[in-house]
Amino acid sequence: MSGFFGIVSTKPCITDLFYGTDYHSHLGTRRAGIATFDGSNPHQNIHSIENSYFRTKFTSDLAEMTGNVGIGVISDTESQPLMVNSHLGRFALATVSRINNLAEIEAECLKRHQQFTDLSLSRTNPTELVALLITQGNDIIDGIRNVYSHVKGSCNMLILTPDGIIAARDLYGRTPIVIGRRGNDYAVASESHSYINLGFETCCFVGPGEVVKVTTSGIEQLKAPEKKMQICSFLWIYYGFPCVEYENINAEEVRYRLGETMGKSDDVEADFVSPIPDSGIGMALGYAAGRGIPYKRAMLKYTPTWSRSFMPVNQEARNLVARMKLIPSRTVLEGKNVVFCDDSIVRGTQLRDQVKMLYAYGAKSVHVRISCPPLVHGCTFLNFSASKTDNELITRRVIAELEGGTVRNLEAYHDDTTPQYAAMVECIRRHVGVDSLKFNSLQTVCNAIGIDKERVCTHCFDNSSYGD
């Protein structure tokens, strides 16, 4: 996970940069950094945020971060943004990327007698690798094209120069870049909510493969967008902050539509619907409207200290966070038949433990409704995936169980009309211990988002995508 924020201002930018970057804290918990240019003078600070929040680590740095242009990033992987001095001039670079062929590109750079000076998690820093690819170009645009031609996976870039920011979106637009405007000031961000309280309004979304330069004089297109797009559907389902818009489509509205569709088609007898917070809230509100039953909060998230439970690397730590952050309400649950809404089931361990807790606190029956289809494939394009490998997915374990110990016939498990799909869902239901379990269909997801399926990446559901 990672998210970045940039600012181009007619006045010192550090306050806007500080808060705009902080609004991406839901996308990373390990490393964070900010960089500014004051004329030709660069300033940079990078900190570990594993045991604290972004704001607490950077407050003491603000006085030295002078200048009217800057970028910041919060990441779960490498240290960034990095400062570079090359034949292209001085620039700072921040990326939102997943480079599947990092070792291959690394070897190619070493053959060119280029060197790597920064290690992240005991491997070459992916952002430094991207910087080297950029500096192989005759100019910045040529360098960005070089990145596009080499990287398998995905790569969004913010390049800070002394006079502005060059924003380059991934060739297939797998993750977003949005630009906000406040008079002659501009913000460039991964998530549109990051600049709302700073007085900016969205003016445009950078297209797939598009490159723009943003200065106080305006937005200059340096490379036109590509026709194909494969934006991650899971951004709307889970990762995005609820009020964020991607491609002019609000995440919370999509989640509401997913719940409403499910509610209209469901026939389970229930006293009320409750979210598994926070990611199930939008769907539960929609389900209540579609099904015509009350919305109640039978499980509460303790927000002051607990973050998203997939953030810790260790599975045991993830399970601990998942258990500690959610507190059931016995008064609301006792003797009731309850529908619980959530965004997805990844490994199934957290949901299984949550269900045990719900029954222990008096629920008569528990019915789980999931906003998306079963996750059958781990993501190979983004570091946004909650599961890094196929083997971690409960669907893969269940399919192997149904197929006699071998994972095969996956296409049959993609299709919600097949007996194999029905058997998979029933087996998952038994594993997590609920009275009933239903998933939304892939068509429902695409309808709720409102973008043609060929322009949305659905790889994790049906292995359908294009690009490397």
Protein backbone atom coordinates (compact mmCIF):
# COMPACT_ATOMS: atom_id res chain seq x y z
CA MET A 1 0.00 0.00 0.00
CA SER A 2 1.09 3.57 -0.64
CA GLY A 3 -0.32 6.95 -1.57
CA PHE A 4 1.21 10.26 -2.56
CA PHE A 5 0.38 13.95 -2.49
CA GLY A 6 1.95 16.95 -4.22
CA ILE A 7 1.41 20.70 -3.99
CA VAL A 8 2.27 23.59 -6.29
CA SER A 9 1.55 26.91 -4.60
CA THR A 10 2.04 30.64 -4.89
CA LYS A 11 3.11 30.68 -1.22
CA PRO A 12 5.04 28.38 1.15
CA CYS A 13 3.49 24.95 0.75
CA ILE A 14 4.59 22.94 3.76
CA THR A 15 1.35 23.15 5.75
CA ASP A 16 -0.74 21.98 2.79
CA LEU A 17 1.84 19.31 2.00
CA PHE A 18 1.88 18.08 5.59
CA TYR A 19 -1.89 17.66 5.89
CA GLY A 20 -2.46 16.47 2.33
CA THR A 21 0.09 13.70 2.75
CA ASP A 22 -1.34 12.79 6.16
CA TYR A 23 -4.74 12.17 4.54
CA HIS A 24 -3.15 9.16 2.80
CA SER A 25 -2.36 7.44 6.11
CA HIS A 26 -4.94 4.71 5.46
CA LEU A 27 -2.74 3.52 2.58
CA GLY A 28 0.48 2.83 4.49
CA THR A 29 2.00 2.26 7.91
CA ARG A 30 5.77 1.76 7.50
CA ARG A 31 7.58 4.61 5.75
CA ALA A 32 6.75 8.21 4.96
CA GLY A 33 8.59 11.14 3.47
CA ILE A 34 8.26 14.70 2.21
CA ALA A 35 10.40 16.76 -0.15
CA THR A 36 10.32 20.41 -1.21
CA PHE A 37 12.25 22.75 -3.46
CA ASP A 38 13.00 26.31 -2.38
CA GLY A 39 14.22 27.68 -5.67
CA SER A 40 16.96 25.23 -6.61
CA ASN A 41 17.54 24.17 -3.00
CA PRO A 42 16.08 20.74 -2.13
CA HIS A 43 14.81 19.64 1.27
CA GLN A 44 13.92 16.07 2.22
CA ASN A 45 12.87 14.10 5.29
CA ILE A 46 12.02 10.39 5.53
CA HIS A 47 10.92 8.59 8.70
CA SER A 48 9.74 5.20 9.86
CA ILE A 49 6.13 5.40 11.04
CA GLU A 50 5.73 1.77 12.09
CA ASN A 51 5.07 2.62 15.72
CA SER A 52 3.44 6.03 15.34
CA TYR A 53 1.40 8.25 13.06
CA PHE A 54 2.66 10.40 10.18
CA ARG A 55 1.87 13.69 11.93
CA THR A 56 3.84 12.86 15.08
CA LYS A 57 6.99 12.05 13.08
CA PHE A 58 7.08 15.10 10.83
CA THR A 59 5.91 17.99 13.01
CA SER A 60 9.46 18.86 14.05
CA ASP A 61 10.66 18.91 10.42
CA LEU A 62 8.24 21.51 9.11
CA ALA A 63 10.29 24.63 9.82
CA GLU A 64 13.14 23.49 7.58
CA MET A 65 10.91 22.40 4.69
CA THR A 66 10.76 25.70 2.84
CA GLY A 67 9.57 26.32 -0.69
CA ASN A 68 6.38 26.61 -2.72
CA VAL A 69 6.42 23.14 -4.31
CA GLY A 70 6.59 19.76 -2.63
CA ILE A 71 5.60 16.10 -2.64
CA GLY A 72 4.92 13.59 0.12
CA VAL A 73 4.27 9.87 0.29
CA ILE A 74 3.16 7.24 2.81
CA SER A 75 4.19 3.69 2.01
CA ASP A 76 4.29 0.13 3.29
CA THR A 77 7.41 -0.66 1.30
CA GLU A 78 10.33 1.56 0.37
CA SER A 79 11.77 4.79 1.76
CA GLN A 80 10.78 7.74 -0.44
CA PRO A 81 10.62 10.35 -1.94
CA LEU A 82 14.18 10.18 -3.20
CA MET A 83 16.26 13.18 -4.29
CA VAL A 84 18.11 12.72 -7.58
CA ASN A 85 20.81 14.79 -9.29
CA SER A 86 21.40 13.72 -12.90
CA HIS A 87 21.94 14.99 -16.43
CA LEU A 88 18.19 15.76 -16.39
CA GLY A 89 18.69 18.13 -13.46
CA ARG A 90 17.63 17.85 -9.85
CA PHE A 91 14.32 16.22 -9.02
CA ALA A 92 12.57 14.30 -6.25
CA LEU A 93 10.62 11.14 -7.03
CA ALA A 94 7.72 9.39 -5.29
CA THR A 95 6.01 6.29 -6.67
CA VAL A 96 2.98 4.10 -6.11
CA SER A 97 4.19 0.94 -7.74
CA ARG A 98 4.62 -2.80 -7.88
CA ILE A 99 7.56 -3.96 -9.97
CA ASN A 100 7.32 -7.70 -10.58
CA ASN A 101 10.49 -7.81 -12.68
CA LEU A 102 12.62 -5.73 -10.29
CA ALA A 103 15.51 -8.24 -10.26
CA GLU A 104 15.61 -8.35 -14.04
CA ILE A 105 15.73 -4.54 -14.39
CA GLU A 106 18.23 -4.33 -11.54
CA ALA A 107 20.58 -6.69 -13.39
CA GLU A 108 20.20 -4.64 -16.57
CA CYS A 109 21.08 -1.41 -14.73
CA LEU A 110 24.12 -3.02 -13.12
CA LYS A 111 25.36 -4.07 -16.56
CA ARG A 112 25.17 -0.39 -17.51
CA HIS A 113 27.53 0.30 -14.58
CA GLN A 114 24.73 2.06 -12.67
CA GLN A 115 24.63 1.58 -8.91
CA PHE A 116 22.00 1.31 -6.19
CA THR A 117 22.62 3.06 -2.89
CA ASP A 118 19.39 2.46 -0.97
CA LEU A 119 17.97 -0.82 0.31
CA SER A 120 14.37 -1.21 1.48
CA LEU A 121 13.37 -4.39 3.29
CA SER A 122 16.78 -5.85 2.27
CA ARG A 123 16.23 -5.35 -1.44
CA THR A 124 16.82 -2.63 -4.00
CA ASN A 125 14.53 0.32 -3.40
CA PRO A 126 11.91 0.21 -6.20
CA THR A 127 11.67 4.01 -6.31
CA GLU A 128 15.44 4.25 -6.85
CA LEU A 129 15.10 1.72 -9.66
CA VAL A 130 12.44 3.88 -11.30
CA ALA A 131 14.69 6.93 -10.87
CA LEU A 132 17.51 5.14 -12.71
CA LEU A 133 15.15 4.25 -15.55
CA ILE A 134 14.09 7.88 -15.81
CA THR A 135 17.69 9.12 -15.92
CA GLN A 136 18.43 6.74 -18.80
CA GLY A 137 16.22 8.94 -20.97
CA ASN A 138 17.27 11.92 -23.05
CA ASP A 139 14.71 14.01 -21.16
CA ILE A 140 12.09 13.43 -18.48
CA ILE A 141 9.40 12.29 -20.91
CA ASP A 142 11.78 9.90 -22.62
CA GLY A 143 12.73 8.59 -19.19
CA ILE A 144 9.09 8.06 -18.21
CA ARG A 145 8.48 6.15 -21.43
CA ASN A 146 11.50 4.05 -20.48
CA VAL A 147 9.79 3.21 -17.18
CA TYR A 148 6.59 2.25 -18.98
CA SER A 149 8.47 -0.02 -21.39
CA HIS A 150 10.40 -1.83 -18.63
CA VAL A 151 8.13 -2.20 -15.60
CA LYS A 152 5.89 -5.24 -15.35
CA GLY A 153 3.24 -4.59 -12.76
CA SER A 154 2.28 -0.95 -12.28
CA CYS A 155 3.85 2.43 -11.59
CA ASN A 156 2.45 5.88 -10.79
CA MET A 157 5.00 8.68 -10.42
CA LEU A 158 5.25 12.18 -8.99
CA ILE A 159 8.41 13.98 -10.10
CA LEU A 160 9.13 17.18 -8.19
CA THR A 161 11.17 19.79 -10.02
CA PRO A 162 12.17 23.27 -8.80
CA ASP A 163 9.22 24.86 -10.64
CA GLY A 164 6.47 22.24 -10.44
CA ILE A 165 5.35 18.62 -10.44
CA ILE A 166 5.31 16.11 -13.28
CA ALA A 167 2.59 13.51 -12.69
CA ALA A 168 2.72 10.26 -14.68
CA ARG A 169 -0.05 7.71 -14.24
CA ASP A 170 0.52 3.99 -14.71
CA LEU A 171 0.34 2.89 -18.36
CA TYR A 172 -2.93 1.03 -17.72
CA GLY A 173 -4.17 3.41 -15.03
CA ARG A 174 -4.34 0.69 -12.41
CA THR A 175 -4.22 3.29 -9.64
CA PRO A 176 -5.47 6.87 -9.88
CA ILE A 177 -3.95 10.34 -9.94
CA VAL A 178 -6.31 13.27 -9.40
CA ILE A 179 -5.64 17.02 -9.55
CA GLY A 180 -7.34 19.68 -7.44
CA ARG A 181 -7.28 23.44 -7.95
CA ARG A 182 -7.45 26.41 -5.56
CA GLY A 183 -7.02 29.58 -7.59
CA ASN A 184 -3.51 29.34 -9.02
CA ASP A 185 -2.51 26.57 -6.59
CA TYR A 186 -2.73 22.88 -7.50
CA ALA A 187 -2.73 19.62 -5.56
CA VAL A 188 -1.84 16.27 -7.14
CA ALA A 189 -2.91 13.20 -5.18
CA SER A 190 -3.72 9.51 -5.06
CA GLU A 191 -7.00 10.24 -3.27
CA SER A 192 -9.30 13.19 -3.87
CA HIS A 193 -10.42 13.62 -0.25
CA SER A 194 -6.87 14.67 0.70
CA TYR A 195 -7.29 18.26 -0.46
CA ILE A 196 -10.96 19.00 0.26
CA ASN A 197 -10.32 20.59 3.67
CA LEU A 198 -7.42 22.56 2.17
CA GLY A 199 -9.83 24.43 -0.10
CA PHE A 200 -9.14 22.63 -3.38
CA GLU A 201 -11.74 21.33 -5.81
CA THR A 202 -11.17 18.51 -8.26
CA CYS A 203 -10.41 19.81 -11.74
CA CYS A 204 -9.27 16.67 -13.58
CA PHE A 205 -8.23 13.03 -13.39
CA VAL A 206 -4.96 12.06 -15.07
CA GLY A 207 -5.64 9.41 -17.71
CA PRO A 208 -3.94 6.00 -18.05
CA GLY A 209 -0.39 6.52 -19.31
CA GLU A 210 -0.90 10.28 -19.37
CA VAL A 211 1.86 12.64 -18.25
CA VAL A 212 1.19 16.23 -17.16
CA LYS A 213 3.27 19.03 -15.71
CA VAL A 214 1.59 21.12 -13.04
CA THR A 215 2.80 24.64 -12.20
CA THR A 216 1.09 27.75 -10.88
CA SER A 217 0.57 28.68 -14.54
CA GLY A 218 -1.66 25.65 -15.09
CA ILE A 219 -1.61 22.05 -16.29
CA GLU A 220 0.43 21.16 -19.38
CA GLN A 221 -0.06 17.79 -21.05
CA LEU A 222 3.29 16.21 -21.88
CA LYS A 223 1.93 12.85 -23.06
CA ALA A 224 -1.61 12.01 -24.12
CA PRO A 225 -3.48 9.24 -22.29
CA GLU A 226 -3.70 5.70 -23.60
CA LYS A 227 -7.05 4.35 -24.79
CA LYS A 228 -6.97 1.22 -22.61
CA MET A 229 -7.55 1.37 -18.87
CA GLN A 230 -7.50 -1.27 -16.12
CA ILE A 231 -8.25 0.64 -12.92
CA CYS A 232 -8.44 -1.61 -9.86
CA SER A 233 -12.07 -2.40 -8.96
CA PHE A 234 -11.06 -3.00 -5.33
CA LEU A 235 -10.41 0.71 -4.90
CA TRP A 236 -14.17 1.28 -4.79
CA ILE A 237 -14.91 -1.92 -2.89
CA TYR A 238 -12.44 -1.40 -0.03
CA TYR A 239 -9.20 0.56 -0.30
CA GLY A 240 -10.49 4.05 -1.00
CA PHE A 241 -11.57 6.41 1.75
CA PRO A 242 -15.40 6.57 1.51
CA CYS A 243 -15.70 10.13 0.13
CA VAL A 244 -12.99 9.59 -2.52
CA GLU A 245 -13.83 9.77 -6.20
CA TYR A 246 -12.07 7.71 -8.85
CA GLU A 247 -12.86 8.56 -12.46
CA ASN A 248 -15.60 10.86 -11.07
CA ILE A 249 -17.28 7.93 -9.29
CA ASN A 250 -17.69 8.14 -5.50
CA ALA A 251 -16.52 5.13 -3.48
CA GLU A 252 -19.28 5.30 -0.85
CA GLU A 253 -21.99 5.50 -3.51
CA VAL A 254 -20.60 2.34 -5.13
CA ARG A 255 -20.59 0.54 -1.78
CA TYR A 256 -24.17 1.67 -1.13
CA ARG A 257 -25.30 0.38 -4.54
CA LEU A 258 -23.59 -2.96 -3.89
CA GLY A 259 -25.53 -3.32 -0.64
CA GLU A 260 -28.81 -2.10 -2.09
CA THR A 261 -28.61 -4.62 -4.94
CA MET A 262 -27.86 -7.43 -2.51
CA GLY A 263 -30.71 -6.36 -0.20
CA LYS A 264 -33.28 -6.28 -2.98
CA SER A 265 -32.48 -9.82 -4.06
CA ASP A 266 -32.04 -11.38 -0.60
CA ASP A 267 -34.77 -13.34 1.20
CA VAL A 268 -33.14 -14.17 4.52
CA GLU A 269 -35.23 -13.47 7.62
CA ALA A 270 -33.35 -10.99 9.79
CA ASP A 271 -34.12 -8.46 12.51
CA PHE A 272 -31.59 -5.94 11.27
CA VAL A 273 -28.40 -5.46 9.24
CA SER A 274 -25.07 -4.40 10.72
CA PRO A 275 -21.72 -3.57 9.15
CA ILE A 276 -18.41 -5.13 10.01
CA PRO A 277 -16.75 -1.73 10.42
CA ASP A 278 -15.47 0.28 8.82
CA SER A 279 -15.39 -1.22 5.34
CA GLY A 280 -18.88 -2.76 5.57
CA ILE A 281 -20.70 0.44 6.52
CA GLY A 282 -21.57 1.70 3.02
CA MET A 283 -22.81 -1.72 1.93
CA ALA A 284 -24.86 -2.22 5.11
CA LEU A 285 -26.61 1.13 4.63
CA GLY A 286 -27.50 0.16 1.07
CA TYR A 287 -28.61 -3.32 2.16
CA ALA A 288 -30.94 -1.85 4.78
CA ALA A 289 -32.58 0.33 2.15
CA GLY A 290 -32.83 -2.46 -0.40
CA ARG A 291 -34.09 -5.11 2.03
CA GLY A 292 -36.29 -2.77 4.06
CA ILE A 293 -34.90 -3.73 7.49
CA PRO A 294 -33.28 -1.56 10.18
CA TYR A 295 -29.59 -0.65 10.19
CA LYS A 296 -27.94 -1.13 13.58
CA ARG A 297 -24.35 -1.19 14.83
CA ALA A 298 -23.94 -4.54 16.55
CA MET A 299 -20.15 -4.39 16.32
CA LEU A 300 -18.11 -1.25 16.95
CA LYS A 301 -14.61 -0.37 15.91
CA TYR A 302 -12.36 1.20 18.52
CA THR A 303 -10.92 3.91 16.28
CA PRO A 304 -8.45 5.84 18.48
CA THR A 305 -5.64 3.28 18.24
CA TRP A 306 -6.45 0.38 15.90
CA SER A 307 -5.64 0.57 12.20
CA ARG A 308 -6.56 -1.75 9.34
CA SER A 309 -5.82 -5.32 10.38
CA PHE A 310 -4.03 -6.40 7.20
CA MET A 311 -1.26 -3.87 7.80
CA PRO A 312 0.96 -5.93 10.15
CA VAL A 313 3.21 -8.34 8.27
CA ASN A 314 2.84 -11.20 10.73
CA GLN A 315 -0.42 -13.18 10.45
CA GLU A 316 -0.65 -13.64 14.21
CA ALA A 317 -0.36 -9.87 14.67
CA ARG A 318 -3.04 -9.31 12.01
CA ASN A 319 -5.41 -11.62 13.84
CA LEU A 320 -4.71 -9.87 17.14
CA VAL A 321 -5.45 -6.44 15.64
CA ALA A 322 -8.64 -7.74 14.02
CA ARG A 323 -9.84 -9.14 17.34
CA MET A 324 -8.89 -6.16 19.49
CA LYS A 325 -10.24 -3.39 17.27
CA LEU A 326 -13.84 -4.72 17.03
CA ILE A 327 -16.10 -4.78 20.08
CA PRO A 328 -19.54 -6.47 19.95
CA SER A 329 -22.65 -5.05 21.63
CA ARG A 330 -24.44 -7.73 23.64
CA THR A 331 -27.53 -5.56 24.07
CA VAL A 332 -27.97 -5.20 20.31
CA LEU A 333 -27.04 -8.80 19.43
CA GLU A 334 -28.77 -10.91 22.07
CA GLY A 335 -31.48 -13.15 20.62
CA LYS A 336 -31.40 -11.52 17.20
CA ASN A 337 -31.09 -12.79 13.63
CA VAL A 338 -28.51 -10.49 12.08
CA VAL A 339 -27.14 -9.84 8.59
CA PHE A 340 -23.54 -8.61 8.62
CA CYS A 341 -22.07 -6.84 5.60
CA ASP A 342 -18.37 -6.76 4.73
CA ASP A 343 -16.25 -5.91 1.71
CA SER A 344 -14.55 -9.29 1.09
CA ILE A 345 -13.24 -12.53 2.56
CA VAL A 346 -9.51 -13.01 2.05
CA ARG A 347 -8.08 -15.68 4.35
CA GLY A 348 -11.27 -16.24 6.32
CA THR A 349 -9.51 -16.43 9.69
CA GLN A 350 -10.62 -13.00 10.91
CA LEU A 351 -14.24 -13.51 9.91
CA ARG A 352 -14.31 -16.93 11.56
CA ASP A 353 -13.07 -15.45 14.84
CA GLN A 354 -15.52 -12.54 14.58
CA VAL A 355 -18.43 -14.90 14.02
CA LYS A 356 -17.51 -16.92 17.11
CA MET A 357 -17.54 -13.69 19.08
CA LEU A 358 -20.97 -12.71 17.71
CA TYR A 359 -22.52 -16.01 18.77
CA ALA A 360 -20.81 -15.76 22.16
CA TYR A 361 -22.47 -12.38 22.65
CA GLY A 362 -25.94 -13.74 22.05
CA ALA A 363 -26.66 -13.62 18.30
CA LYS A 364 -29.36 -16.15 17.40
CA SER A 365 -28.22 -16.44 13.77
CA VAL A 366 -25.50 -14.74 11.72
CA HIS A 367 -25.79 -14.19 7.96
CA VAL A 368 -22.85 -12.66 6.09
CA ARG A 369 -23.20 -10.72 2.84
CA ILE A 370 -20.08 -9.77 0.87
CA SER A 371 -20.00 -6.82 -1.53
CA CYS A 372 -17.79 -8.46 -4.17
CA PRO A 373 -17.36 -11.96 -5.66
CA PRO A 374 -15.02 -14.50 -4.01
CA LEU A 375 -11.33 -13.64 -4.36
CA VAL A 376 -9.94 -16.52 -6.40
CA HIS A 377 -6.63 -14.93 -7.51
CA GLY A 378 -4.04 -12.90 -5.62
CA CYS A 379 -3.28 -9.51 -7.16
CA THR A 380 -0.23 -9.44 -9.45
CA PHE A 381 -0.47 -5.78 -10.40
CA LEU A 382 -0.58 -3.77 -7.18
CA ASN A 383 0.85 -3.79 -3.67
CA PHE A 384 -2.72 -2.96 -2.61
CA SER A 385 -3.67 -6.61 -2.33
CA ALA A 386 -4.52 -7.78 1.17
CA SER A 387 -3.18 -11.18 0.13
CA LYS A 388 0.15 -11.44 -1.63
CA THR A 389 -0.19 -15.05 -2.85
CA ASP A 390 -2.93 -17.32 -4.17
CA ASN A 391 -2.24 -19.88 -1.45
CA GLU A 392 -3.32 -17.44 1.28
CA LEU A 393 -6.84 -17.19 -0.13
CA ILE A 394 -9.57 -19.24 1.53
CA THR A 395 -11.03 -19.87 -1.93
CA ARG A 396 -7.87 -21.71 -3.01
CA ARG A 397 -7.92 -23.93 0.07
CA VAL A 398 -11.59 -24.69 -0.48
CA ILE A 399 -11.15 -25.39 -4.21
CA ALA A 400 -8.31 -27.79 -3.44
CA GLU A 401 -10.56 -29.49 -0.90
CA LEU A 402 -13.37 -29.83 -3.44
CA GLU A 403 -11.03 -30.95 -6.24
CA GLY A 404 -9.39 -33.73 -4.28
CA GLY A 405 -6.29 -31.86 -3.16
CA THR A 406 -5.48 -30.04 -6.42
CA VAL A 407 -6.38 -26.48 -7.42
CA ARG A 408 -7.93 -26.82 -10.88
CA ASN A 409 -11.02 -25.94 -12.94
CA LEU A 410 -10.76 -22.33 -11.71
CA GLU A 411 -12.95 -21.00 -14.51
CA ALA A 412 -15.90 -22.97 -13.11
CA TYR A 413 -15.42 -21.28 -9.73
CA HIS A 414 -15.46 -17.82 -11.33
CA ASP A 415 -19.01 -18.34 -12.62
CA ASP A 416 -21.76 -17.82 -10.02
CA THR A 417 -24.18 -19.99 -12.02
CA THR A 418 -22.17 -23.23 -11.77
CA PRO A 419 -22.51 -26.03 -9.20
CA GLN A 420 -18.78 -25.66 -8.48
CA TYR A 421 -19.32 -22.04 -7.43
CA ALA A 422 -22.23 -23.04 -5.18
CA ALA A 423 -20.13 -25.78 -3.59
CA MET A 424 -17.26 -23.33 -2.98
CA VAL A 425 -19.52 -20.80 -1.25
CA GLU A 426 -21.08 -23.52 0.89
CA CYS A 427 -17.66 -24.81 1.89
CA ILE A 428 -16.51 -21.27 2.82
CA ARG A 429 -19.72 -20.87 4.84
CA ARG A 430 -18.88 -23.96 6.87
CA HIS A 431 -15.29 -22.82 7.39
CA VAL A 432 -16.30 -19.40 8.79
CA GLY A 433 -19.25 -20.84 10.72
CA VAL A 434 -22.18 -18.65 9.63
CA ASP A 435 -25.81 -19.60 9.02
CA SER A 436 -25.74 -18.28 5.46
CA LEU A 437 -23.26 -16.62 3.13
CA LYS A 438 -23.73 -14.74 -0.14
CA PHE A 439 -21.44 -12.78 -2.46
CA ASN A 440 -22.35 -10.17 -5.04
CA SER A 441 -21.80 -11.16 -8.66
CA LEU A 442 -19.10 -9.66 -10.84
CA GLN A 443 -21.75 -8.08 -13.03
CA THR A 444 -23.25 -6.42 -9.96
CA VAL A 445 -19.83 -4.96 -9.11
CA CYS A 446 -19.35 -3.59 -12.63
CA ASN A 447 -22.89 -2.15 -12.64
CA ALA A 448 -22.32 -0.49 -9.26
CA ILE A 449 -19.07 1.10 -10.40
CA GLY A 450 -20.58 2.16 -13.72
CA ILE A 451 -17.50 1.62 -15.90
CA ASP A 452 -17.39 -0.90 -18.73
CA LYS A 453 -15.85 -4.16 -17.53
CA GLU A 454 -12.99 -4.02 -20.04
CA ARG A 455 -11.81 -0.77 -18.39
CA VAL A 456 -11.84 -2.18 -14.83
CA CYS A 457 -9.37 -4.75 -13.54
CA THR A 458 -11.24 -7.79 -12.18
CA HIS A 459 -8.24 -10.13 -12.11
CA CYS A 460 -8.72 -11.16 -8.48
CA PHE A 461 -12.24 -12.38 -9.25
CA ASP A 462 -11.96 -13.99 -12.69
CA ASN A 463 -8.30 -13.78 -13.80
CA SER A 464 -9.36 -11.22 -16.40
CA SER A 465 -6.98 -8.40 -17.22
CA TYR A 466 -4.44 -7.29 -19.77
CA GLY A 467 -0.95 -5.90 -19.58
CA ASP A 468 1.98 -7.42 -17.71
